[in-house]
């Protein structure tokens, strides 16, 4: 099982002022003026800012930070910590932003050639005449009051490229009773959490799957 850098992200959900999060402000305040690639997006996200280490995507309902590493790279702690610092810098620069929740996401790719019994279905399975393409099992865990959502996913039924992965989402909500400085409170929820969340995610993935690993029969 391998940690997938492309599935690591930090998501800040709230009401963001996109007029503040413009290229000049983001480049100066968050990236210290270093050269970055700036893209205008369509849909619910407005801007994408890319540096060699991080990708920052902003919209009026959420801000998302992702690793710039390739899928085959090693997502070491040294690649995770800069994204946490960047998210905290953003939250502290805009402490009055009404942030509702903070999410930290990790994804694990299960090696090809294995199958997870709970996700296995006979070849040619269909539902109401429609071919089965994916199976997803979702679980919600409570770790000392912190919500952790776990998804076991198998995609590509009937294809030689069928894949299995584990997705782990660490979800923290800013208490609704807090009216001011919600961005600042969110920064404290995030501070020092990403490395611990990575360790816990790996433990969850490894403990969730071992007894289900069997030789793959395809399908």
Protein backbone atom coordinates (compact mmCIF):
# COMPACT_ATOMS: atom_id res chain seq x y z
CA UNK A 1 0.00 0.00 0.00
CA UNK A 2 1.47 3.33 -1.08
CA UNK A 3 0.69 6.88 0.02
CA UNK A 4 -0.36 8.84 -3.07
CA UNK A 5 0.99 12.44 -3.08
CA UNK A 6 -1.73 13.53 -5.51
CA UNK A 7 -4.42 12.63 -2.95
CA UNK A 8 -2.94 14.64 -0.09
CA UNK A 9 -4.70 17.95 0.49
CA UNK A 10 -5.69 20.48 3.12
CA UNK A 11 -9.15 22.00 2.63
CA UNK A 12 -10.42 25.13 4.41
CA UNK A 13 -14.20 25.43 4.11
CA UNK A 14 -15.84 28.80 4.70
CA UNK A 15 -16.90 32.08 3.12
CA UNK A 16 -13.76 33.37 1.39
CA UNK A 17 -13.41 36.81 -0.15
CA UNK A 18 -11.97 36.00 -3.57
CA UNK A 19 -11.40 39.67 -4.28
CA UNK A 20 -8.76 39.62 -1.51
CA UNK A 21 -7.28 36.33 -2.66
CA UNK A 22 -6.12 37.87 -5.93
CA UNK A 23 -2.77 37.13 -7.62
CA UNK A 24 -0.98 40.20 -6.22
CA UNK A 25 -2.04 39.49 -2.62
CA UNK A 26 -1.39 35.74 -2.77
CA UNK A 27 2.01 36.17 -4.43
CA UNK A 28 3.14 38.80 -1.92
CA UNK A 29 1.63 37.54 1.33
CA UNK A 30 1.67 33.77 0.94
CA UNK A 31 4.54 33.06 -1.47
CA UNK A 32 6.88 35.91 -0.45
CA UNK A 33 7.09 37.13 -4.02
CA UNK A 34 8.62 33.91 -5.39
CA UNK A 35 7.78 33.05 -9.02
CA UNK A 36 4.60 30.99 -9.26
CA UNK A 37 2.29 29.84 -12.03
CA UNK A 38 -1.13 31.56 -11.92
CA UNK A 39 -4.21 30.09 -13.63
CA UNK A 40 -7.77 31.37 -13.88
CA UNK A 41 -10.25 28.53 -13.30
CA UNK A 42 -13.87 27.89 -14.22
CA UNK A 43 -16.43 26.47 -11.79
CA UNK A 44 -16.49 26.75 -8.01
CA UNK A 45 -12.75 27.50 -7.81
CA UNK A 46 -11.47 30.82 -9.17
CA UNK A 47 -7.66 30.81 -9.05
CA UNK A 48 -4.86 28.24 -8.98
CA UNK A 49 -1.40 29.23 -7.75
CA UNK A 50 1.40 26.69 -8.26
CA UNK A 51 4.90 26.65 -6.81
CA UNK A 52 7.43 23.80 -6.96
CA UNK A 53 6.17 22.60 -3.56
CA UNK A 54 2.47 23.48 -3.34
CA UNK A 55 -0.68 24.08 -5.36
CA UNK A 56 -3.19 26.55 -3.88
CA UNK A 57 -6.72 26.70 -5.31
CA UNK A 58 -9.17 29.33 -4.07
CA UNK A 59 -12.91 29.80 -4.37
CA UNK A 60 -15.60 31.63 -2.44
CA UNK A 61 -16.62 28.49 -0.49
CA UNK A 62 -13.29 26.73 0.03
CA UNK A 63 -9.54 26.98 -0.29
CA UNK A 64 -7.59 23.83 -1.15
CA UNK A 65 -3.87 23.18 -0.84
CA UNK A 66 -2.29 20.20 -2.58
CA UNK A 67 1.19 18.81 -2.98
CA UNK A 68 2.95 19.58 -6.26
CA UNK A 69 4.75 16.22 -6.14
CA UNK A 70 4.24 13.64 -8.87
CA UNK A 71 2.15 10.55 -8.15
CA UNK A 72 5.25 8.34 -7.99
CA UNK A 73 7.12 10.60 -5.53
CA UNK A 74 7.57 9.97 -1.81
CA UNK A 75 5.21 12.09 0.31
CA UNK A 76 7.71 12.59 3.13
CA UNK A 77 7.04 14.78 6.17
CA UNK A 78 9.26 17.43 4.61
CA UNK A 79 6.78 17.69 1.73
CA UNK A 80 3.74 17.92 4.04
CA UNK A 81 4.85 20.51 6.58
CA UNK A 82 5.21 23.40 4.06
CA UNK A 83 1.55 23.01 3.07
CA UNK A 84 0.46 23.19 6.70
CA UNK A 85 2.57 26.32 7.20
CA UNK A 86 1.10 27.88 4.06
CA UNK A 87 -2.46 27.16 5.22
CA UNK A 88 -1.74 28.61 8.66
CA UNK A 89 -0.16 31.71 7.10
CA UNK A 90 -3.34 32.23 5.07
CA UNK A 91 -5.63 31.77 8.09
CA UNK A 92 -3.56 34.10 10.27
CA UNK A 93 -3.42 36.75 7.54
CA UNK A 94 -7.24 36.67 7.32
CA UNK A 95 -8.27 35.81 10.92
CA UNK A 96 -11.82 37.14 10.54
CA UNK A 97 -12.69 34.82 7.64
CA UNK A 98 -15.75 32.77 8.71
CA UNK A 99 -14.12 29.35 8.33
CA UNK A 100 -16.48 26.48 9.12
CA UNK A 101 -14.25 23.42 8.89
CA UNK A 102 -10.74 22.15 8.26
CA UNK A 103 -10.07 18.92 6.36
CA UNK A 104 -6.84 16.96 5.93
CA UNK A 105 -6.97 14.24 3.28
CA UNK A 106 -4.73 11.27 2.47
CA UNK A 107 -5.06 8.56 -0.14
CA UNK A 108 -3.39 5.14 -0.34
CA UNK A 109 -3.09 3.09 -3.51
CA UNK A 110 -3.34 -0.66 -2.96
CA UNK A 111 -0.80 -2.61 -5.02
CA UNK A 112 -2.06 -4.18 -8.20
CA UNK A 113 -2.63 -7.93 -7.98
CA UNK A 114 -4.44 -7.90 -4.64
CA UNK A 115 -8.16 -7.78 -3.91
CA UNK A 116 -10.13 -6.57 -0.92
CA UNK A 117 -12.86 -9.07 -0.10
CA UNK A 118 -15.43 -6.42 0.88
CA UNK A 119 -14.99 -4.68 -2.46
CA UNK A 120 -14.91 -7.80 -4.61
CA UNK A 121 -17.78 -8.58 -6.96
CA UNK A 122 -18.15 -11.36 -9.55
CA UNK A 123 -17.08 -10.50 -13.07
CA UNK A 124 -19.95 -9.11 -15.13
CA UNK A 125 -21.94 -7.85 -12.09
CA UNK A 126 -24.72 -5.47 -13.08
CA UNK A 127 -27.47 -3.55 -11.29
CA UNK A 128 -30.82 -3.16 -13.09
CA UNK A 129 -29.03 -3.98 -16.31
CA UNK A 130 -26.30 -1.38 -15.78
CA UNK A 131 -22.69 -2.55 -15.60
CA UNK A 132 -20.97 -2.08 -12.25
CA UNK A 133 -18.07 0.36 -12.47
CA UNK A 134 -17.13 1.14 -8.85
CA UNK A 135 -17.79 0.12 -5.24
CA UNK A 136 -17.28 2.47 -2.29
CA UNK A 137 -17.58 1.60 1.40
CA UNK A 138 -17.63 4.57 3.79
CA UNK A 139 -16.94 4.49 7.54
CA UNK A 140 -16.91 7.31 10.10
CA UNK A 141 -14.59 7.04 13.10
CA UNK A 142 -14.35 9.13 16.26
CA UNK A 143 -10.84 9.77 17.59
CA UNK A 144 -11.06 11.76 20.82
CA UNK A 145 -13.84 13.93 19.45
CA UNK A 146 -12.23 14.36 16.02
CA UNK A 147 -14.11 12.92 13.06
CA UNK A 148 -12.21 10.69 10.63
CA UNK A 149 -13.95 9.48 7.46
CA UNK A 150 -12.59 6.38 5.74
CA UNK A 151 -13.50 5.29 2.21
CA UNK A 152 -12.55 1.95 0.67
CA UNK A 153 -12.87 2.29 -3.10
CA UNK A 154 -12.58 -0.08 -6.03
CA UNK A 155 -12.90 1.34 -9.53
CA UNK A 156 -12.63 -0.09 -13.01
CA UNK A 157 -14.69 -3.29 -12.82
CA UNK A 158 -14.39 -5.18 -16.07
CA UNK A 159 -11.13 -3.41 -16.87
CA UNK A 160 -7.53 -4.56 -16.72
CA UNK A 161 -6.80 -1.24 -15.00
CA UNK A 162 -9.02 -1.88 -11.96
CA UNK A 163 -7.69 -0.01 -8.91
CA UNK A 164 -8.26 -0.16 -5.18
CA UNK A 165 -7.52 2.70 -2.83
CA UNK A 166 -8.13 3.89 0.72
CA UNK A 167 -9.14 7.52 1.32
CA UNK A 168 -8.87 9.02 4.81
CA UNK A 169 -10.38 12.43 5.65
CA UNK A 170 -9.67 14.14 9.00
CA UNK A 171 -12.49 16.61 9.66
CA UNK A 172 -12.51 19.37 12.28
CA UNK A 173 -15.28 21.95 12.62
CA UNK A 174 -14.86 25.41 14.09
CA UNK A 175 -17.36 25.55 17.00
CA UNK A 176 -20.51 27.38 15.81
CA UNK A 177 -20.60 29.48 18.98
CA UNK A 178 -17.42 31.29 17.95
CA UNK A 179 -18.40 34.45 16.10
CA UNK A 180 -15.12 36.32 15.64
CA UNK A 181 -11.62 35.20 14.67
CA UNK A 182 -12.87 31.94 13.16
CA UNK A 183 -9.91 31.91 10.79
CA UNK A 184 -7.55 32.18 13.74
CA UNK A 185 -9.33 29.35 15.56
CA UNK A 186 -9.10 27.22 12.42
CA UNK A 187 -5.34 27.82 12.29
CA UNK A 188 -5.01 26.40 15.81
CA UNK A 189 -7.06 23.34 14.82
CA UNK A 190 -4.61 22.76 11.97
CA UNK A 191 -1.31 23.59 13.67
CA UNK A 192 0.85 20.49 14.08
CA UNK A 193 -1.93 18.21 12.83
CA UNK A 194 -0.84 17.12 9.37
CA UNK A 195 2.04 14.83 10.38
CA UNK A 196 -0.06 13.25 13.14
CA UNK A 197 -2.93 12.82 10.66
CA UNK A 198 -0.58 11.14 8.19
CA UNK A 199 0.60 8.67 10.85
CA UNK A 200 -2.96 7.91 11.95
CA UNK A 201 -4.11 7.53 8.33
CA UNK A 202 -1.42 4.95 7.67
CA UNK A 203 -2.39 3.03 10.84
CA UNK A 204 -6.05 3.07 9.80
CA UNK A 205 -5.29 1.87 6.28
CA UNK A 206 -2.99 -0.91 7.45
CA UNK A 207 -5.35 -2.10 10.20
CA UNK A 208 -8.43 -1.85 8.01
CA UNK A 209 -7.17 -3.99 5.14
CA UNK A 210 -4.78 -6.81 6.18
CA UNK A 211 -7.35 -9.55 6.81
CA UNK A 212 -9.07 -8.69 3.52
CA UNK A 213 -6.03 -9.10 1.28
CA UNK A 214 -6.32 -12.14 -1.00
CA UNK A 215 -4.91 -13.05 -4.43
CA UNK A 216 -6.76 -11.10 -7.09
CA UNK A 217 -9.18 -12.99 -9.35
CA UNK A 218 -9.77 -10.02 -11.64
CA UNK A 219 -13.24 -8.99 -12.78
